Amino acid sequence: MEYDNGYGYSPHSKWIALLLCLFFGVLGLHRFYVGKVWTGLLQLFTGGGFVIWAVVDFILILFGAFTDSEGRKLS
């Protein structure tokens, strides 16, 4: 089992978030999926933070460091 950050694990899937980021990262759909609405809107209006932000999110999701809106690691 992965490291528990003390908040438990998110009900959101790491793999779904990874696929959303891969195909729709510049639209911020992976952030909407995990409940980060405001940063999802920022990504939507800036093209994923000019693509850089979306790439960083993809790497964070891939290595298990991305969290949901309540600070829980994705399951």
N, C-alpha and C. Protein backbone atom coordinates (compact mmCIF):
# COMPACT_ATOMS: atom_id res chain seq x y z
N MET A 1 0.83 -1.18 0.00
CA MET A 1 0.00 0.00 0.00
C MET A 1 0.88 1.25 0.00
N GLU A 2 0.37 2.29 -0.60
CA GLU A 2 1.12 3.53 -0.69
C GLU A 2 1.17 4.26 0.65
N TYR A 3 2.03 5.23 0.74
CA TYR A 3 2.16 6.06 1.93
C TYR A 3 0.86 6.81 2.21
N ASP A 4 0.39 6.74 3.45
CA ASP A 4 -0.81 7.45 3.85
C ASP A 4 -0.40 8.80 4.41
N ASN A 5 -0.92 9.89 3.86
CA ASN A 5 -0.53 11.23 4.26
C ASN A 5 -1.26 11.72 5.51
N GLY A 6 -2.00 10.85 6.19
CA GLY A 6 -2.72 11.24 7.39
C GLY A 6 -4.14 11.68 7.12
N TYR A 7 -4.47 11.97 5.89
CA TYR A 7 -5.82 12.39 5.54
C TYR A 7 -6.61 11.27 4.88
N GLY A 8 -5.97 10.14 4.67
CA GLY A 8 -6.62 9.05 3.97
C GLY A 8 -6.43 9.18 2.47
N TYR A 9 -7.14 8.36 1.75
CA TYR A 9 -7.04 8.38 0.30
C TYR A 9 -8.30 8.94 -0.32
N SER A 10 -8.13 9.57 -1.44
CA SER A 10 -9.23 10.18 -2.17
C SER A 10 -10.07 9.09 -2.83
N PRO A 11 -11.37 9.31 -2.99
CA PRO A 11 -12.20 8.38 -3.75
C PRO A 11 -11.96 8.50 -5.27
N HIS A 12 -11.19 9.51 -5.66
CA HIS A 12 -10.91 9.73 -7.08
C HIS A 12 -9.74 8.85 -7.53
N SER A 13 -9.86 8.32 -8.73
CA SER A 13 -8.86 7.42 -9.27
C SER A 13 -7.67 8.17 -9.87
N LYS A 14 -6.49 7.69 -9.54
CA LYS A 14 -5.26 8.24 -10.10
C LYS A 14 -5.23 8.05 -11.62
N TRP A 15 -5.71 6.90 -12.08
CA TRP A 15 -5.63 6.57 -13.50
C TRP A 15 -6.61 7.38 -14.34
N ILE A 16 -7.78 7.65 -13.79
CA ILE A 16 -8.73 8.50 -14.52
C ILE A 16 -8.18 9.92 -14.61
N ALA A 17 -7.63 10.41 -13.50
CA ALA A 17 -7.04 11.76 -13.50
C ALA A 17 -5.87 11.82 -14.48
N LEU A 18 -5.08 10.77 -14.55
CA LEU A 18 -3.94 10.74 -15.47
C LEU A 18 -4.40 10.79 -16.92
N LEU A 19 -5.44 10.02 -17.25
CA LEU A 19 -5.96 10.04 -18.62
C LEU A 19 -6.60 11.38 -18.96
N LEU A 20 -7.34 11.95 -18.02
CA LEU A 20 -7.93 13.27 -18.26
C LEU A 20 -6.84 14.32 -18.49
N CYS A 21 -5.76 14.23 -17.70
CA CYS A 21 -4.66 15.18 -17.86
C CYS A 21 -3.95 14.97 -19.19
N LEU A 22 -3.77 13.71 -19.58
CA LEU A 22 -3.08 13.41 -20.83
C LEU A 22 -3.84 13.95 -22.04
N PHE A 23 -5.15 13.72 -22.07
CA PHE A 23 -5.93 14.10 -23.24
C PHE A 23 -6.57 15.50 -23.16
N PHE A 24 -6.85 15.96 -21.94
CA PHE A 24 -7.53 17.24 -21.78
C PHE A 24 -6.83 18.15 -20.77
N GLY A 25 -5.53 17.97 -20.59
CA GLY A 25 -4.78 18.73 -19.59
C GLY A 25 -4.83 20.23 -19.78
N VAL A 26 -4.81 20.67 -21.02
CA VAL A 26 -4.85 22.12 -21.27
C VAL A 26 -6.21 22.72 -20.95
N LEU A 27 -7.23 21.88 -20.79
CA LEU A 27 -8.56 22.35 -20.41
C LEU A 27 -8.77 22.25 -18.89
N GLY A 28 -7.85 21.60 -18.20
CA GLY A 28 -7.93 21.48 -16.75
C GLY A 28 -8.97 20.49 -16.26
N LEU A 29 -9.42 19.57 -17.11
CA LEU A 29 -10.48 18.64 -16.70
C LEU A 29 -10.06 17.74 -15.54
N HIS A 30 -8.79 17.41 -15.44
CA HIS A 30 -8.33 16.58 -14.32
C HIS A 30 -8.48 17.31 -12.99
N ARG A 31 -8.35 18.63 -13.00
CA ARG A 31 -8.53 19.42 -11.77
C ARG A 31 -10.01 19.52 -11.40
N PHE A 32 -10.89 19.65 -12.39
CA PHE A 32 -12.32 19.62 -12.10
C PHE A 32 -12.70 18.25 -11.51
N TYR A 33 -12.13 17.19 -12.03
CA TYR A 33 -12.41 15.82 -11.58
C TYR A 33 -12.09 15.63 -10.10
N VAL A 34 -10.99 16.20 -9.62
CA VAL A 34 -10.60 16.01 -8.22
C VAL A 34 -11.15 17.10 -7.30
N GLY A 35 -11.95 18.02 -7.83
CA GLY A 35 -12.61 19.03 -7.02
C GLY A 35 -11.88 20.35 -6.90
N LYS A 36 -10.83 20.56 -7.68
CA LYS A 36 -10.09 21.82 -7.65
C LYS A 36 -10.64 22.74 -8.74
N VAL A 37 -11.84 23.27 -8.47
CA VAL A 37 -12.58 24.02 -9.49
C VAL A 37 -11.88 25.31 -9.90
N TRP A 38 -11.41 26.10 -8.92
CA TRP A 38 -10.80 27.39 -9.25
C TRP A 38 -9.53 27.23 -10.08
N THR A 39 -8.68 26.28 -9.71
CA THR A 39 -7.47 26.09 -10.51
C THR A 39 -7.80 25.42 -11.84
N GLY A 40 -8.90 24.66 -11.87
CA GLY A 40 -9.37 24.11 -13.14
C GLY A 40 -9.79 25.21 -14.09
N LEU A 41 -10.48 26.21 -13.55
CA LEU A 41 -10.87 27.36 -14.38
C LEU A 41 -9.65 28.14 -14.86
N LEU A 42 -8.67 28.30 -13.99
CA LEU A 42 -7.43 28.98 -14.41
C LEU A 42 -6.76 28.24 -15.55
N GLN A 43 -6.70 26.91 -15.44
CA GLN A 43 -6.09 26.14 -16.53
C GLN A 43 -6.92 26.24 -17.80
N LEU A 44 -8.23 26.23 -17.65
CA LEU A 44 -9.12 26.33 -18.81
C LEU A 44 -8.87 27.62 -19.58
N PHE A 45 -8.74 28.73 -18.86
CA PHE A 45 -8.59 30.03 -19.50
C PHE A 45 -7.16 30.37 -19.92
N THR A 46 -6.17 29.60 -19.42
CA THR A 46 -4.77 29.87 -19.80
C THR A 46 -4.17 28.75 -20.64
N GLY A 47 -5.01 27.83 -21.09
CA GLY A 47 -4.49 26.72 -21.90
C GLY A 47 -3.56 25.83 -21.10
N GLY A 48 -4.00 25.47 -19.89
CA GLY A 48 -3.17 24.61 -19.05
C GLY A 48 -1.95 25.33 -18.53
N GLY A 49 -2.10 26.62 -18.29
CA GLY A 49 -0.94 27.40 -17.85
C GLY A 49 0.12 27.43 -18.94
N PHE A 50 -0.37 27.66 -20.17
CA PHE A 50 0.49 27.66 -21.36
C PHE A 50 1.20 26.32 -21.50
N VAL A 51 0.45 25.25 -21.22
CA VAL A 51 0.86 23.84 -21.33
C VAL A 51 1.81 23.42 -20.21
N ILE A 52 2.61 24.31 -19.68
CA ILE A 52 3.59 23.95 -18.66
C ILE A 52 2.92 23.40 -17.41
N TRP A 53 1.88 24.06 -16.94
CA TRP A 53 1.17 23.64 -15.74
C TRP A 53 0.56 22.25 -15.94
N ALA A 54 0.01 21.99 -17.12
CA ALA A 54 -0.58 20.69 -17.41
C ALA A 54 0.47 19.59 -17.41
N VAL A 55 1.65 19.88 -17.94
CA VAL A 55 2.74 18.88 -17.95
C VAL A 55 3.21 18.59 -16.52
N VAL A 56 3.34 19.62 -15.71
CA VAL A 56 3.73 19.43 -14.30
C VAL A 56 2.68 18.60 -13.58
N ASP A 57 1.41 18.88 -13.80
CA ASP A 57 0.34 18.09 -13.19
C ASP A 57 0.41 16.64 -13.63
N PHE A 58 0.67 16.40 -14.91
CA PHE A 58 0.78 15.03 -15.43
C PHE A 58 1.88 14.27 -14.69
N ILE A 59 3.02 14.91 -14.51
CA ILE A 59 4.14 14.27 -13.81
C ILE A 59 3.77 14.01 -12.34
N LEU A 60 3.12 14.98 -11.69
CA LEU A 60 2.71 14.79 -10.31
C LEU A 60 1.72 13.65 -10.16
N ILE A 61 0.77 13.55 -11.06
CA ILE A 61 -0.20 12.46 -11.02
C ILE A 61 0.51 11.13 -11.25
N LEU A 62 1.39 11.08 -12.22
CA LEU A 62 2.10 9.86 -12.57
C LEU A 62 2.89 9.31 -11.40
N PHE A 63 3.53 10.19 -10.64
CA PHE A 63 4.36 9.74 -9.52
C PHE A 63 3.63 9.74 -8.18
N GLY A 64 2.32 9.99 -8.19
CA GLY A 64 1.51 9.87 -6.98
C GLY A 64 1.59 11.04 -6.02
N ALA A 65 2.02 12.19 -6.47
CA ALA A 65 2.15 13.35 -5.59
C ALA A 65 0.97 14.32 -5.73
N PHE A 66 0.05 14.07 -6.63
CA PHE A 66 -1.10 14.95 -6.86
C PHE A 66 -2.17 14.63 -5.83
N THR A 67 -2.83 15.66 -5.31
CA THR A 67 -3.87 15.46 -4.31
C THR A 67 -5.20 16.04 -4.78
N ASP A 68 -6.27 15.62 -4.10
CA ASP A 68 -7.58 16.19 -4.43
C ASP A 68 -7.78 17.49 -3.67
N SER A 69 -8.97 18.04 -3.72
CA SER A 69 -9.23 19.35 -3.11
C SER A 69 -9.15 19.32 -1.59
N GLU A 70 -9.17 18.14 -0.98
CA GLU A 70 -9.08 18.01 0.47
C GLU A 70 -7.70 17.55 0.92
N GLY A 71 -6.74 17.53 0.02
CA GLY A 71 -5.37 17.16 0.36
C GLY A 71 -5.11 15.67 0.44
N ARG A 72 -6.01 14.86 -0.06
CA ARG A 72 -5.86 13.39 -0.01
C ARG A 72 -5.20 12.90 -1.30
N LYS A 73 -4.32 11.94 -1.18
CA LYS A 73 -3.68 11.35 -2.34
C LYS A 73 -4.71 10.56 -3.14
N LEU A 74 -4.56 10.57 -4.45
CA LEU A 74 -5.48 9.83 -5.31
C LEU A 74 -5.25 8.34 -5.15
N SER A 75 -6.35 7.57 -5.21
CA SER A 75 -6.24 6.13 -5.03
C SER A 75 -6.01 5.42 -6.36
